[in-house]
Amino acid sequence: DAIYRPGYAYSKAEVLLMDLRQRGEFTGDLF
């Protein structure tokens, strides 16, 4: 919604999942 601009004929969308880690590799945030 933030990057869509009306008036254009869109041909493609892309999604990237990044900073992938296994469970337990992330440090939790208490807040």
PDB file of all heavy atoms in Angstrom:
ATOM      1  N   ASP A   1       0.828  -1.208   0.000  1.00  0.00           N
ATOM      2  CA  ASP A   1       0.000   0.000   0.000  1.00  0.00           C
ATOM      3  C   ASP A   1       0.867   1.264   0.000  1.00  0.00           C
ATOM      4  O   ASP A   1       0.480   2.297  -0.563  1.00  0.00           O
ATOM      5  CB  ASP A   1      -0.922   0.005   1.217  1.00  0.00           C
ATOM      6  CG  ASP A   1      -2.020  -1.050   1.128  1.00  0.00           C
ATOM      7  OD1 ASP A   1      -2.166  -1.654   0.044  1.00  0.00           O
ATOM      8  OD2 ASP A   1      -2.713  -1.279   2.135  1.00  0.00           O
ATOM      9  N   ALA A   2       2.044   1.177   0.616  1.00  0.00           N
ATOM     10  CA  ALA A   2       2.915   2.351   0.706  1.00  0.00           C
ATOM     11  C   ALA A   2       3.615   2.663  -0.616  1.00  0.00           C
ATOM     12  O   ALA A   2       3.917   3.831  -0.903  1.00  0.00           O
ATOM     13  CB  ALA A   2       3.957   2.133   1.806  1.00  0.00           C
ATOM     14  N   ILE A   3       3.867   1.657  -1.438  1.00  0.00           N
ATOM     15  CA  ILE A   3       4.622   1.909  -2.679  1.00  0.00           C
ATOM     16  C   ILE A   3       3.751   1.896  -3.930  1.00  0.00           C
ATOM     17  O   ILE A   3       4.211   2.298  -5.007  1.00  0.00           O
ATOM     18  CB  ILE A   3       5.768   0.883  -2.851  1.00  0.00           C
ATOM     19  CG1 ILE A   3       5.227  -0.557  -2.944  1.00  0.00           C
ATOM     20  CG2 ILE A   3       6.771   1.009  -1.718  1.00  0.00           C
ATOM     21  CD1 ILE A   3       6.296  -1.597  -3.237  1.00  0.00           C
ATOM     22  N   TYR A   4       2.502   1.449  -3.810  1.00  0.00           N
ATOM     23  CA  TYR A   4       1.613   1.424  -4.979  1.00  0.00           C
ATOM     24  C   TYR A   4       1.313   2.852  -5.444  1.00  0.00           C
ATOM     25  O   TYR A   4       1.063   3.746  -4.636  1.00  0.00           O
ATOM     26  CB  TYR A   4       0.308   0.705  -4.633  1.00  0.00           C
ATOM     27  CG  TYR A   4      -0.767   0.859  -5.687  1.00  0.00           C
ATOM     28  CD1 TYR A   4      -0.764   0.063  -6.831  1.00  0.00           C
ATOM     29  CD2 TYR A   4      -1.781   1.817  -5.543  1.00  0.00           C
ATOM     30  CE1 TYR A   4      -1.746   0.214  -7.799  1.00  0.00           C
ATOM     31  CE2 TYR A   4      -2.762   1.972  -6.508  1.00  0.00           C
ATOM     32  CZ  TYR A   4      -2.743   1.168  -7.632  1.00  0.00           C
ATOM     33  OH  TYR A   4      -3.714   1.319  -8.594  1.00  0.00           O
ATOM     34  N   ARG A   5       1.339   3.054  -6.735  1.00  0.00           N
ATOM     35  CA  ARG A   5       0.981   4.326  -7.334  1.00  0.00           C
ATOM     36  C   ARG A   5      -0.065   4.079  -8.423  1.00  0.00           C
ATOM     37  O   ARG A   5       0.152   3.238  -9.307  1.00  0.00           O
ATOM     38  CB  ARG A   5       2.204   5.024  -7.945  1.00  0.00           C
ATOM     39  CG  ARG A   5       3.298   5.354  -6.949  1.00  0.00           C
ATOM     40  CD  ARG A   5       2.879   6.470  -5.995  1.00  0.00           C
ATOM     41  NE  ARG A   5       3.941   6.793  -5.065  1.00  0.00           N
ATOM     42  CZ  ARG A   5       4.119   6.222  -3.877  1.00  0.00           C
ATOM     43  NH1 ARG A   5       3.290   5.257  -3.493  1.00  0.00           N
ATOM     44  NH2 ARG A   5       5.108   6.593  -3.084  1.00  0.00           N
ATOM     45  N   PRO A   6      -1.196   4.781  -8.386  1.00  0.00           N
ATOM     46  CA  PRO A   6      -2.213   4.590  -9.430  1.00  0.00           C
ATOM     47  C   PRO A   6      -1.732   5.116 -10.776  1.00  0.00           C
ATOM     48  O   PRO A   6      -0.801   5.926 -10.855  1.00  0.00           O
ATOM     49  CB  PRO A   6      -3.404   5.403  -8.899  1.00  0.00           C
ATOM     50  CG  PRO A   6      -2.798   6.428  -7.987  1.00  0.00           C
ATOM     51  CD  PRO A   6      -1.589   5.782  -7.372  1.00  0.00           C
ATOM     52  N   GLY A   7      -2.368   4.628 -11.829  1.00  0.00           N
ATOM     53  CA  GLY A   7      -2.058   5.122 -13.161  1.00  0.00           C
ATOM     54  C   GLY A   7      -1.034   4.304 -13.915  1.00  0.00           C
ATOM     55  O   GLY A   7      -0.680   4.642 -15.048  1.00  0.00           O
ATOM     56  N   TYR A   8      -0.536   3.212 -13.311  1.00  0.00           N
ATOM     57  CA  TYR A   8       0.465   2.369 -13.969  1.00  0.00           C
ATOM     58  C   TYR A   8      -0.117   0.981 -14.251  1.00  0.00           C
ATOM     59  O   TYR A   8      -0.999   0.502 -13.531  1.00  0.00           O
ATOM     60  CB  TYR A   8       1.711   2.222 -13.094  1.00  0.00           C
ATOM     61  CG  TYR A   8       2.494   3.503 -12.916  1.00  0.00           C
ATOM     62  CD1 TYR A   8       2.303   4.292 -11.789  1.00  0.00           C
ATOM     63  CD2 TYR A   8       3.413   3.921 -13.870  1.00  0.00           C
ATOM     64  CE1 TYR A   8       3.022   5.470 -11.608  1.00  0.00           C
ATOM     65  CE2 TYR A   8       4.131   5.096 -13.710  1.00  0.00           C
ATOM     66  CZ  TYR A   8       3.930   5.862 -12.583  1.00  0.00           C
ATOM     67  OH  TYR A   8       4.637   7.025 -12.411  1.00  0.00           O
ATOM     68  N   ALA A   9       0.425   0.349 -15.290  1.00  0.00           N
ATOM     69  CA  ALA A   9       0.034  -1.026 -15.626  1.00  0.00           C
ATOM     70  C   ALA A   9       1.113  -1.956 -15.086  1.00  0.00           C
ATOM     71  O   ALA A   9       2.184  -2.099 -15.682  1.00  0.00           O
ATOM     72  CB  ALA A   9      -0.111  -1.186 -17.139  1.00  0.00           C
ATOM     73  N   TYR A  10       0.840  -2.590 -13.955  1.00  0.00           N
ATOM     74  CA  TYR A  10       1.839  -3.410 -13.274  1.00  0.00           C
ATOM     75  C   TYR A  10       1.917  -4.803 -13.902  1.00  0.00           C
ATOM     76  O   TYR A  10       0.900  -5.394 -14.269  1.00  0.00           O
ATOM     77  CB  TYR A  10       1.514  -3.513 -11.789  1.00  0.00           C
ATOM     78  CG  TYR A  10       1.659  -2.184 -11.065  1.00  0.00           C
ATOM     79  CD1 TYR A  10       0.558  -1.356 -10.868  1.00  0.00           C
ATOM     80  CD2 TYR A  10       2.898  -1.755 -10.614  1.00  0.00           C
ATOM     81  CE1 TYR A  10       0.682  -0.122 -10.231  1.00  0.00           C
ATOM     82  CE2 TYR A  10       3.037  -0.524  -9.975  1.00  0.00           C
ATOM     83  CZ  TYR A  10       1.929   0.281  -9.784  1.00  0.00           C
ATOM     84  OH  TYR A  10       2.069   1.487  -9.151  1.00  0.00           O
ATOM     85  N   SER A  11       3.148  -5.293 -14.010  1.00  0.00           N
ATOM     86  CA  SER A  11       3.365  -6.602 -14.643  1.00  0.00           C
ATOM     87  C   SER A  11       3.857  -7.667 -13.665  1.00  0.00           C
ATOM     88  O   SER A  11       3.794  -8.857 -13.973  1.00  0.00           O
ATOM     89  CB  SER A  11       4.398  -6.472 -15.772  1.00  0.00           C
ATOM     90  OG  SER A  11       5.674  -6.113 -15.255  1.00  0.00           O
ATOM     91  N   LYS A  12       4.346  -7.257 -12.486  1.00  0.00           N
ATOM     92  CA  LYS A  12       4.985  -8.238 -11.618  1.00  0.00           C
ATOM     93  C   LYS A  12       5.003  -7.744 -10.172  1.00  0.00           C
ATOM     94  O   LYS A  12       5.118  -6.548  -9.909  1.00  0.00           O
ATOM     95  CB  LYS A  12       6.429  -8.476 -12.094  1.00  0.00           C
ATOM     96  CG  LYS A  12       7.195  -9.536 -11.338  1.00  0.00           C
ATOM     97  CD  LYS A  12       8.593  -9.697 -11.940  1.00  0.00           C
ATOM     98  CE  LYS A  12       9.376 -10.794 -11.237  1.00  0.00           C
ATOM     99  NZ  LYS A  12      10.734 -10.963 -11.816  1.00  0.00           N
ATOM    100  N   ALA A  13       4.888  -8.686  -9.244  1.00  0.00           N
ATOM    101  CA  ALA A  13       5.099  -8.415  -7.822  1.00  0.00           C
ATOM    102  C   ALA A  13       6.066  -9.457  -7.285  1.00  0.00           C
ATOM    103  O   ALA A  13       6.178 -10.567  -7.820  1.00  0.00           O
ATOM    104  CB  ALA A  13       3.784  -8.465  -7.053  1.00  0.00           C
ATOM    105  N   GLU A  14       6.773  -9.083  -6.221  1.00  0.00           N
ATOM    106  CA  GLU A  14       7.800  -9.971  -5.666  1.00  0.00           C
ATOM    107  C   GLU A  14       7.813  -9.840  -4.153  1.00  0.00           C
ATOM    108  O   GLU A  14       7.651  -8.759  -3.605  1.00  0.00           O
ATOM    109  CB  GLU A  14       9.164  -9.588  -6.235  1.00  0.00           C
ATOM    110  CG  GLU A  14      10.341 -10.381  -5.686  1.00  0.00           C
ATOM    111  CD  GLU A  14      11.654  -9.914  -6.278  1.00  0.00           C
ATOM    112  OE1 GLU A  14      11.974 -10.362  -7.391  1.00  0.00           O
ATOM    113  OE2 GLU A  14      12.331  -9.084  -5.640  1.00  0.00           O
ATOM    114  N   VAL A  15       8.005 -10.978  -3.500  1.00  0.00           N
ATOM    115  CA  VAL A  15       8.121 -11.005  -2.039  1.00  0.00           C
ATOM    116  C   VAL A  15       9.425 -11.700  -1.679  1.00  0.00           C
ATOM    117  O   VAL A  15       9.730 -12.781  -2.198  1.00  0.00           O
ATOM    118  CB  VAL A  15       6.935 -11.744  -1.392  1.00  0.00           C
ATOM    119  CG1 VAL A  15       7.191 -11.976   0.093  1.00  0.00           C
ATOM    120  CG2 VAL A  15       5.651 -10.960  -1.594  1.00  0.00           C
ATOM    121  N   LEU A  16      10.221 -11.076  -0.800  1.00  0.00           N
ATOM    122  CA  LEU A  16      11.459 -11.662  -0.296  1.00  0.00           C
ATOM    123  C   LEU A  16      11.344 -11.849   1.213  1.00  0.00           C
ATOM    124  O   LEU A  16      11.062 -10.891   1.939  1.00  0.00           O
ATOM    125  CB  LEU A  16      12.652 -10.756  -0.582  1.00  0.00           C
ATOM    126  CG  LEU A  16      13.230 -10.703  -1.992  1.00  0.00           C
ATOM    127  CD1 LEU A  16      14.339  -9.669  -2.052  1.00  0.00           C
ATOM    128  CD2 LEU A  16      13.764 -12.058  -2.405  1.00  0.00           C
ATOM    129  N   LEU A  17      11.547 -13.077   1.685  1.00  0.00           N
ATOM    130  CA  LEU A  17      11.686 -13.333   3.116  1.00  0.00           C
ATOM    131  C   LEU A  17      13.180 -13.366   3.407  1.00  0.00           C
ATOM    132  O   LEU A  17      13.920 -14.157   2.815  1.00  0.00           O
ATOM    133  CB  LEU A  17      11.024 -14.654   3.502  1.00  0.00           C
ATOM    134  CG  LEU A  17       9.518 -14.766   3.197  1.00  0.00           C
ATOM    135  CD1 LEU A  17       8.982 -16.096   3.708  1.00  0.00           C
ATOM    136  CD2 LEU A  17       8.744 -13.603   3.787  1.00  0.00           C
ATOM    137  N   MET A  18      13.625 -12.521   4.334  1.00  0.00           N
ATOM    138  CA  MET A  18      15.056 -12.332   4.549  1.00  0.00           C
ATOM    139  C   MET A  18      15.419 -12.532   6.017  1.00  0.00           C
ATOM    140  O   MET A  18      14.545 -12.715   6.867  1.00  0.00           O
ATOM    141  CB  MET A  18      15.462 -10.934   4.084  1.00  0.00           C
ATOM    142  CG  MET A  18      15.082 -10.634   2.636  1.00  0.00           C
ATOM    143  SD  MET A  18      15.560  -8.965   2.099  1.00  0.00           S
ATOM    144  CE  MET A  18      14.535  -7.949   3.158  1.00  0.00           C
ATOM    145  N   ASP A  19      16.740 -12.480   6.275  1.00  0.00           N
ATOM    146  CA  ASP A  19      17.265 -12.671   7.631  1.00  0.00           C
ATOM    147  C   ASP A  19      16.693 -13.953   8.223  1.00  0.00           C
ATOM    148  O   ASP A  19      16.178 -13.976   9.337  1.00  0.00           O
ATOM    149  CB  ASP A  19      16.929 -11.458   8.508  1.00  0.00           C
ATOM    150  CG  ASP A  19      17.672 -11.496   9.842  1.00  0.00           C
ATOM    151  OD1 ASP A  19      18.688 -12.212   9.939  1.00  0.00           O
ATOM    152  OD2 ASP A  19      17.226 -10.810  10.786  1.00  0.00           O
ATOM    153  N   LEU A  20      16.785 -15.042   7.443  1.00  0.00           N
ATOM    154  CA  LEU A  20      16.225 -16.325   7.875  1.00  0.00           C
ATOM    155  C   LEU A  20      17.173 -17.013   8.846  1.00  0.00           C
ATOM    156  O   LEU A  20      18.369 -17.132   8.582  1.00  0.00           O
ATOM    157  CB  LEU A  20      15.970 -17.234   6.666  1.00  0.00           C
ATOM    158  CG  LEU A  20      15.065 -16.684   5.559  1.00  0.00           C
ATOM    159  CD1 LEU A  20      14.760 -17.777   4.546  1.00  0.00           C
ATOM    160  CD2 LEU A  20      13.779 -16.112   6.123  1.00  0.00           C
ATOM    161  N   ARG A  21      16.610 -17.480   9.932  1.00  0.00           N
ATOM    162  CA  ARG A  21      17.391 -18.216  10.922  1.00  0.00           C
ATOM    163  C   ARG A  21      16.554 -19.353  11.478  1.00  0.00           C
ATOM    164  O   ARG A  21      15.320 -19.341  11.404  1.00  0.00           O
ATOM    165  CB  ARG A  21      17.833 -17.300  12.063  1.00  0.00           C
ATOM    166  CG  ARG A  21      18.587 -16.055  11.617  1.00  0.00           C
ATOM    167  CD  ARG A  21      19.089 -15.270  12.805  1.00  0.00           C
ATOM    168  NE  ARG A  21      19.345 -13.871  12.466  1.00  0.00           N
ATOM    169  CZ  ARG A  21      19.708 -12.955  13.342  1.00  0.00           C
ATOM    170  NH1 ARG A  21      19.866 -13.288  14.613  1.00  0.00           N
ATOM    171  NH2 ARG A  21      19.906 -11.706  12.965  1.00  0.00           N
ATOM    172  N   GLN A  22      17.250 -20.311  12.064  1.00  0.00           N
ATOM    173  CA  GLN A  22      16.557 -21.430  12.679  1.00  0.00           C
ATOM    174  C   GLN A  22      15.981 -20.990  14.022  1.00  0.00           C
ATOM    175  O   GLN A  22      16.428 -20.023  14.637  1.00  0.00           O
ATOM    176  CB  GLN A  22      17.508 -22.607  12.876  1.00  0.00           C
ATOM    177  CG  GLN A  22      18.121 -23.131  11.590  1.00  0.00           C
ATOM    178  CD  GLN A  22      17.085 -23.598  10.593  1.00  0.00           C
ATOM    179  OE1 GLN A  22      16.413 -24.603  10.813  1.00  0.00           O
ATOM    180  NE2 GLN A  22      16.919 -22.867   9.494  1.00  0.00           N
ATOM    181  N   ARG A  23      14.974 -21.710  14.470  1.00  0.00           N
ATOM    182  CA  ARG A  23      14.379 -21.398  15.777  1.00  0.00           C
ATOM    183  C   ARG A  23      15.461 -21.475  16.855  1.00  0.00           C
ATOM    184  O   ARG A  23      16.267 -22.379  16.889  1.00  0.00           O
ATOM    185  CB  ARG A  23      13.268 -22.386  16.098  1.00  0.00           C
ATOM    186  CG  ARG A  23      12.053 -22.242  15.194  1.00  0.00           C
ATOM    187  CD  ARG A  23      10.962 -23.228  15.566  1.00  0.00           C
ATOM    188  NE  ARG A  23       9.811 -23.084  14.689  1.00  0.00           N
ATOM    189  CZ  ARG A  23       8.836 -22.203  14.876  1.00  0.00           C
ATOM    190  NH1 ARG A  23       8.874 -21.402  15.924  1.00  0.00           N
ATOM    191  NH2 ARG A  23       7.827 -22.114  14.030  1.00  0.00           N
ATOM    192  N   GLY A  24      15.463 -20.507  17.748  1.00  0.00           N
ATOM    193  CA  GLY A  24      16.449 -20.489  18.818  1.00  0.00           C
ATOM    194  C   GLY A  24      17.654 -19.623  18.502  1.00  0.00           C
ATOM    195  O   GLY A  24      18.466 -19.351  19.393  1.00  0.00           O
ATOM    196  N   GLU A  25      17.795 -19.211  17.224  1.00  0.00           N
ATOM    197  CA  GLU A  25      18.932 -18.371  16.845  1.00  0.00           C
ATOM    198  C   GLU A  25      18.657 -16.881  17.035  1.00  0.00           C
ATOM    199  O   GLU A  25      19.576 -16.079  17.013  1.00  0.00           O
ATOM    200  CB  GLU A  25      19.336 -18.644  15.396  1.00  0.00           C
ATOM    201  CG  GLU A  25      19.915 -20.023  15.175  1.00  0.00           C
ATOM    202  CD  GLU A  25      20.366 -20.247  13.740  1.00  0.00           C
ATOM    203  OE1 GLU A  25      20.118 -19.361  12.887  1.00  0.00           O
ATOM    204  OE2 GLU A  25      20.964 -21.299  13.472  1.00  0.00           O
ATOM    205  N   PHE A  26      17.389 -16.522  17.181  1.00  0.00           N
ATOM    206  CA  PHE A  26      17.044 -15.123  17.412  1.00  0.00           C
ATOM    207  C   PHE A  26      17.076 -14.818  18.911  1.00  0.00           C
ATOM    208  O   PHE A  26      16.684 -15.653  19.736  1.00  0.00           O
ATOM    209  CB  PHE A  26      15.633 -14.813  16.886  1.00  0.00           C
ATOM    210  CG  PHE A  26      15.561 -14.669  15.398  1.00  0.00           C
ATOM    211  CD1 PHE A  26      15.106 -15.715  14.611  1.00  0.00           C
ATOM    212  CD2 PHE A  26      15.937 -13.491  14.771  1.00  0.00           C
ATOM    213  CE1 PHE A  26      15.018 -15.591  13.236  1.00  0.00           C
ATOM    214  CE2 PHE A  26      15.857 -13.356  13.395  1.00  0.00           C
ATOM    215  CZ  PHE A  26      15.399 -14.408  12.629  1.00  0.00           C
ATOM    216  N   THR A  27      17.528 -13.631  19.255  1.00  0.00           N
ATOM    217  CA  THR A  27      17.469 -13.167  20.639  1.00  0.00           C
ATOM    218  C   THR A  27      16.164 -12.414  20.838  1.00  0.00           C
ATOM    219  O   THR A  27      15.866 -11.450  20.128  1.00  0.00           O
ATOM    220  CB  THR A  27      18.649 -12.225  20.953  1.00  0.00           C
ATOM    221  OG1 THR A  27      19.867 -12.927  20.721  1.00  0.00           O
ATOM    222  CG2 THR A  27      18.588 -11.752  22.398  1.00  0.00           C
ATOM    223  N   GLY A  28      15.369 -12.861  21.800  1.00  0.00           N
ATOM    224  CA  GLY A  28      14.060 -12.266  22.020  1.00  0.00           C
ATOM    225  C   GLY A  28      14.149 -10.861  22.592  1.00  0.00           C
ATOM    226  O   GLY A  28      15.137 -10.471  23.216  1.00  0.00           O
ATOM    227  N   ASP A  29      13.086 -10.090  22.349  1.00  0.00           N
ATOM    228  CA  ASP A  29      12.983  -8.722  22.871  1.00  0.00           C
ATOM    229  C   ASP A  29      11.852  -8.711  23.909  1.00  0.00           C
ATOM    230  O   ASP A  29      10.693  -8.978  23.581  1.00  0.00           O
ATOM    231  CB  ASP A  29      12.683  -7.757  21.728  1.00  0.00           C
ATOM    232  CG  ASP A  29      12.690  -6.298  22.175  1.00  0.00           C
ATOM    233  OD1 ASP A  29      12.541  -6.045  23.388  1.00  0.00           O
ATOM    234  OD2 ASP A  29      12.818  -5.418  21.303  1.00  0.00           O
ATOM    235  N   LEU A  30      12.197  -8.394  25.161  1.00  0.00           N
ATOM    236  CA  LEU A  30      11.205  -8.426  26.235  1.00  0.00           C
ATOM    237  C   LEU A  30      10.067  -7.444  25.995  1.00  0.00           C
ATOM    238  O   LEU A  30       8.961  -7.628  26.507  1.00  0.00           O
ATOM    239  CB  LEU A  30      11.883  -8.115  27.576  1.00  0.00           C
ATOM    240  CG  LEU A  30      12.874  -9.161  28.089  1.00  0.00           C
ATOM    241  CD1 LEU A  30      13.556  -8.661  29.352  1.00  0.00           C
ATOM    242  CD2 LEU A  30      12.153 -10.483  28.357  1.00  0.00           C
ATOM    243  N   PHE A  31      10.312  -6.376  25.244  1.00  0.00           N
ATOM    244  CA  PHE A  31       9.318  -5.330  25.073  1.00  0.00           C
ATOM    245  C   PHE A  31       8.580  -5.425  23.732  1.00  0.00           C
ATOM    246  O   PHE A  31       7.714  -4.603  23.444  1.00  0.00           O
ATOM    247  CB  PHE A  31       9.985  -3.956  25.198  1.00  0.00           C
ATOM    248  CG  PHE A  31      10.702  -3.775  26.505  1.00  0.00           C
ATOM    249  CD1 PHE A  31      12.083  -3.906  26.586  1.00  0.00           C
ATOM    250  CD2 PHE A  31       9.994  -3.500  27.670  1.00  0.00           C
ATOM    251  CE1 PHE A  31      12.742  -3.746  27.784  1.00  0.00           C
ATOM    252  CE2 PHE A  31      10.649  -3.344  28.878  1.00  0.00           C
ATOM    253  CZ  PHE A  31      12.030  -3.470  28.947  1.00  0.00           C
TER     254      PHE A  31
END
